[in-house]
Amino acid sequence: MDAELFPRERDAVAPGAVHVPDWLDPDAQRTLLAACREWARPPAGLRTVHTPGGGTMTARQVCLGRHWYPYGYAPTAVDGDGSPVKPFPDWLDDLARRAVAGALGPDALPGEPYDIALINFYDADARMGMHRDADERADAPVVSLSLGDTCVFRFGNTETRNKPWTDVELRSGDLFVFGGPARLAYHGVPRVRPGTAPPALGLTGRLNITLRVSGLPSSAG
């Protein structure tokens, strides 16, 4: 919204988990969206993810640096077209490190560079069930950036997919960082609010850009 009766403020949702509204300004959002559109093109482009149990994720995904598949990482799009995964650009590492330092403080910065991006596209009907980001070999904070439609982001606990949890409204440009005691918390997206993206952005739907440190040797991908 251009005018807020009560401006949204930074919020520590849980120890180690911080929501920073409007972290990306409109120009930065447009730049990141343009990059996402290029990354989504084949080869190793946007694909539908199928789970080992026969399910299908409703949010579609493209990866950078290493290709995530349930439940591991590979140098090629093993459950897509088999092409080598697109490289993870240095500027995304810079972005992630600025996000962590701003949200959690410089002491939370990892010693290794950020080297993986998972980019999920949500249309009006897409959801994401409660899950943990547990396939990495590093415990560096996860950086999550939102573009487009607003969503309800459900941030839970580290023990169970069930309550207690906190529902957070993530809008275009918002940052959410979780590390430390919250690094392995369950989280998901139960709802997207169609038609809420900033009109000037030119995006129908929601993009979530998640930046992670793999902890894997560089020779792996």
Protein backbone atom coordinates (compact mmCIF):
# COMPACT_ATOMS: atom_id res chain seq x y z
CA MET A 1 0.00 0.00 0.00
CA ASP A 2 1.15 3.55 -0.70
CA ALA A 3 -0.44 4.89 2.46
CA GLU A 4 -0.51 2.93 5.70
CA LEU A 5 -2.62 4.00 8.66
CA PHE A 6 -0.14 2.10 10.82
CA PRO A 7 3.19 1.65 9.00
CA ARG A 8 4.48 -1.91 9.07
CA GLU A 9 7.48 -2.38 11.33
CA ARG A 10 10.30 -4.86 11.57
CA ASP A 11 9.21 -7.84 13.68
CA ALA A 12 11.17 -10.54 15.50
CA VAL A 13 8.74 -13.42 14.90
CA ALA A 14 10.85 -15.87 16.91
CA PRO A 15 14.41 -15.99 18.23
CA GLY A 16 16.52 -15.95 15.06
CA ALA A 17 13.58 -15.16 12.74
CA VAL A 18 13.00 -11.57 11.59
CA HIS A 19 10.52 -10.00 9.16
CA VAL A 20 11.65 -6.73 7.55
CA PRO A 21 8.85 -5.06 5.51
CA ASP A 22 9.68 -3.19 2.29
CA TRP A 23 13.35 -4.19 2.35
CA LEU A 24 13.53 -4.07 -1.46
CA ASP A 25 12.55 -0.73 -2.94
CA PRO A 26 10.52 -0.65 -6.20
CA ASP A 27 13.62 -0.38 -8.42
CA ALA A 28 15.29 -3.33 -6.68
CA GLN A 29 12.10 -5.36 -7.05
CA ARG A 30 11.97 -4.69 -10.78
CA THR A 31 15.65 -5.63 -11.17
CA LEU A 32 15.18 -8.89 -9.28
CA LEU A 33 12.01 -9.72 -11.22
CA ALA A 34 13.80 -9.22 -14.55
CA ALA A 35 16.55 -11.58 -13.40
CA CYS A 36 14.00 -14.20 -12.28
CA ARG A 37 12.33 -14.11 -15.68
CA GLU A 38 15.65 -14.85 -17.36
CA TRP A 39 16.46 -17.67 -14.92
CA ALA A 40 13.04 -19.23 -15.50
CA ARG A 41 13.73 -19.75 -19.21
CA PRO A 42 14.97 -23.14 -20.46
CA PRO A 43 17.35 -24.88 -20.23
CA ALA A 44 17.05 -25.89 -16.55
CA GLY A 45 14.16 -23.47 -16.29
CA LEU A 46 10.95 -23.31 -14.32
CA ARG A 47 9.56 -26.78 -13.67
CA THR A 48 6.92 -28.64 -11.67
CA VAL A 49 8.30 -30.55 -8.68
CA HIS A 50 7.06 -34.07 -7.96
CA THR A 51 7.58 -35.65 -4.55
CA PRO A 52 8.72 -39.26 -4.01
CA GLY A 53 5.28 -40.13 -2.66
CA GLY A 54 3.61 -39.19 -5.94
CA GLY A 55 2.51 -35.71 -4.97
CA THR A 56 2.95 -32.55 -7.00
CA MET A 57 4.00 -29.19 -5.60
CA THR A 58 1.62 -26.45 -6.75
CA ALA A 59 4.36 -23.82 -6.67
CA ARG A 60 6.71 -24.19 -9.64
CA GLN A 61 10.45 -23.81 -9.16
CA VAL A 62 13.78 -22.93 -10.76
CA CYS A 63 17.15 -23.24 -9.03
CA LEU A 64 20.53 -21.53 -9.23
CA GLY A 65 23.91 -22.86 -8.12
CA ARG A 66 22.63 -26.35 -7.44
CA HIS A 67 19.38 -28.00 -8.36
CA TRP A 68 17.14 -28.97 -5.47
CA TYR A 69 15.00 -32.09 -5.80
CA PRO A 70 13.21 -33.98 -3.03
CA TYR A 71 15.37 -34.32 -0.97
CA GLY A 72 18.85 -33.36 -2.11
CA TYR A 73 20.96 -31.27 -4.47
CA ALA A 74 22.45 -32.04 -7.88
CA PRO A 75 24.52 -30.15 -10.47
CA THR A 76 21.89 -30.80 -13.15
CA ALA A 77 18.10 -30.55 -13.35
CA VAL A 78 17.70 -34.24 -12.59
CA ASP A 79 13.90 -34.05 -12.33
CA GLY A 80 13.59 -31.54 -15.17
CA ASP A 81 15.28 -31.43 -18.56
CA GLY A 82 18.61 -32.73 -17.24
CA SER A 83 20.52 -29.57 -18.17
CA PRO A 84 23.26 -28.09 -16.00
CA VAL A 85 21.85 -25.77 -13.38
CA LYS A 86 22.31 -22.05 -13.98
CA PRO A 87 25.13 -20.40 -12.01
CA PHE A 88 24.55 -18.52 -8.77
CA PRO A 89 25.66 -14.91 -9.37
CA ASP A 90 27.97 -13.13 -6.92
CA TRP A 91 25.51 -10.25 -6.54
CA LEU A 92 22.99 -12.61 -4.95
CA ASP A 93 25.58 -13.52 -2.31
CA ASP A 94 26.07 -9.80 -1.67
CA LEU A 95 22.31 -9.35 -1.39
CA ALA A 96 21.96 -12.27 1.02
CA ARG A 97 24.78 -11.04 3.24
CA ARG A 98 23.30 -7.55 3.42
CA ALA A 99 19.97 -9.11 4.35
CA VAL A 100 21.45 -11.23 7.14
CA ALA A 101 23.54 -8.39 8.55
CA GLY A 102 20.55 -6.06 8.52
CA ALA A 103 18.08 -8.53 10.01
CA LEU A 104 20.18 -10.54 12.48
CA GLY A 105 23.38 -8.50 12.81
CA PRO A 106 26.92 -9.03 11.45
CA ASP A 107 27.67 -11.81 13.93
CA ALA A 108 25.12 -14.00 12.10
CA LEU A 109 27.00 -13.82 8.78
CA PRO A 110 28.26 -17.22 7.62
CA GLY A 111 31.88 -17.90 6.83
CA GLU A 112 30.94 -19.48 3.49
CA PRO A 113 29.30 -17.64 0.59
CA TYR A 114 25.67 -18.06 -0.32
CA ASP A 115 25.62 -20.39 -3.32
CA ILE A 116 22.05 -21.68 -3.83
CA ALA A 117 18.82 -20.00 -4.84
CA LEU A 118 15.42 -21.69 -4.93
CA ILE A 119 12.90 -19.52 -6.76
CA ASN A 120 9.26 -20.53 -6.36
CA PHE A 121 6.43 -19.14 -8.46
CA TYR A 122 2.94 -19.16 -6.93
CA ASP A 123 -0.17 -18.58 -8.98
CA ALA A 124 -3.50 -17.82 -7.28
CA ASP A 125 -4.09 -21.45 -6.32
CA ALA A 126 -0.57 -22.45 -5.26
CA ARG A 127 0.32 -23.40 -1.70
CA MET A 128 3.34 -24.74 0.16
CA GLY A 129 2.92 -27.28 2.95
CA MET A 130 4.79 -27.07 6.22
CA HIS A 131 8.38 -28.20 5.74
CA ARG A 132 11.93 -27.58 6.94
CA ASP A 133 14.91 -26.45 4.86
CA ALA A 134 17.06 -29.33 6.01
CA ASP A 135 18.89 -30.57 2.90
CA GLU A 136 21.88 -28.24 3.27
CA ARG A 137 25.11 -29.14 5.08
CA ALA A 138 25.47 -25.64 6.53
CA ASP A 139 23.46 -23.91 9.23
CA ALA A 140 23.70 -20.41 7.73
CA PRO A 141 20.55 -18.27 7.95
CA VAL A 142 18.00 -18.66 5.16
CA VAL A 143 17.14 -15.45 3.31
CA SER A 144 13.64 -15.19 1.79
CA LEU A 145 12.56 -12.35 -0.52
CA SER A 146 9.03 -11.81 -1.84
CA LEU A 147 7.89 -10.27 -5.12
CA GLY A 148 4.35 -9.79 -6.43
CA ASP A 149 1.21 -10.94 -4.68
CA THR A 150 0.94 -10.89 -0.91
CA CYS A 151 0.94 -14.25 0.86
CA VAL A 152 0.30 -15.64 4.31
CA PHE A 153 3.61 -17.09 5.49
CA ARG A 154 3.22 -19.56 8.34
CA PHE A 155 6.30 -19.81 10.56
CA GLY A 156 6.23 -22.66 13.03
CA ASN A 157 8.48 -24.46 15.47
CA THR A 158 11.41 -26.86 15.09
CA GLU A 159 9.68 -29.94 16.51
CA THR A 160 6.43 -30.44 14.59
CA ARG A 161 4.44 -29.26 11.60
CA ASN A 162 1.60 -28.42 13.97
CA LYS A 163 1.07 -25.45 16.28
CA PRO A 164 2.47 -23.29 17.70
CA TRP A 165 3.00 -21.14 14.64
CA THR A 166 2.77 -17.49 13.64
CA ASP A 167 1.13 -16.25 10.43
CA VAL A 168 2.98 -13.34 8.81
CA GLU A 169 1.78 -11.27 5.86
CA LEU A 170 4.56 -11.04 3.29
CA ARG A 171 4.16 -8.37 0.63
CA SER A 172 6.21 -7.52 -2.42
CA GLY A 173 9.64 -6.32 -1.35
CA ASP A 174 9.52 -7.94 2.10
CA LEU A 175 12.47 -9.79 3.61
CA PHE A 176 12.26 -12.73 6.02
CA VAL A 177 15.45 -14.19 7.52
CA PHE A 178 15.64 -17.22 9.80
CA GLY A 179 18.74 -18.70 11.38
CA GLY A 180 20.21 -19.76 14.70
CA PRO A 181 17.54 -21.46 16.85
CA ALA A 182 14.95 -20.91 14.10
CA ARG A 183 17.02 -22.31 11.23
CA LEU A 184 15.17 -25.65 11.10
CA ALA A 185 11.71 -24.34 11.94
CA TYR A 186 8.80 -25.69 9.91
CA HIS A 187 7.23 -23.11 7.62
CA GLY A 188 4.81 -22.91 4.69
CA VAL A 189 2.47 -20.78 2.61
CA PRO A 190 -1.21 -21.64 3.20
CA ARG A 191 -2.59 -18.82 1.08
CA VAL A 192 -1.75 -16.33 -1.67
CA ARG A 193 -3.88 -13.21 -2.11
CA PRO A 194 -4.37 -12.74 -5.86
CA GLY A 195 -4.33 -9.27 -7.34
CA THR A 196 -2.34 -7.69 -4.51
CA ALA A 197 0.95 -7.20 -6.37
CA PRO A 198 2.06 -3.59 -6.94
CA PRO A 199 0.65 -2.67 -10.38
CA ALA A 200 3.91 -1.02 -11.45
CA LEU A 201 5.83 -4.27 -10.92
CA GLY A 202 4.05 -6.03 -13.77
CA LEU A 203 3.81 -9.44 -12.10
CA THR A 204 0.72 -11.61 -11.80
CA GLY A 205 1.32 -14.10 -8.99
CA ARG A 206 4.04 -14.34 -6.38
CA LEU A 207 7.76 -15.07 -6.59
CA ASN A 208 9.72 -16.19 -3.54
CA ILE A 209 13.50 -16.09 -3.83
CA THR A 210 15.17 -18.19 -1.13
CA LEU A 211 18.94 -17.90 -0.72
CA ARG A 212 20.94 -20.55 1.14
CA VAL A 213 24.46 -21.76 1.87
CA SER A 214 24.80 -25.36 0.72
CA GLY A 215 27.88 -26.38 2.72
CA LEU A 216 28.75 -28.64 -0.20
CA PRO A 217 32.21 -28.68 -1.81
CA SER A 218 32.51 -26.40 -4.82
CA SER A 219 33.52 -29.32 -7.02
CA ALA A 220 29.99 -30.76 -6.55
CA GLY A 221 28.42 -28.29 -8.87
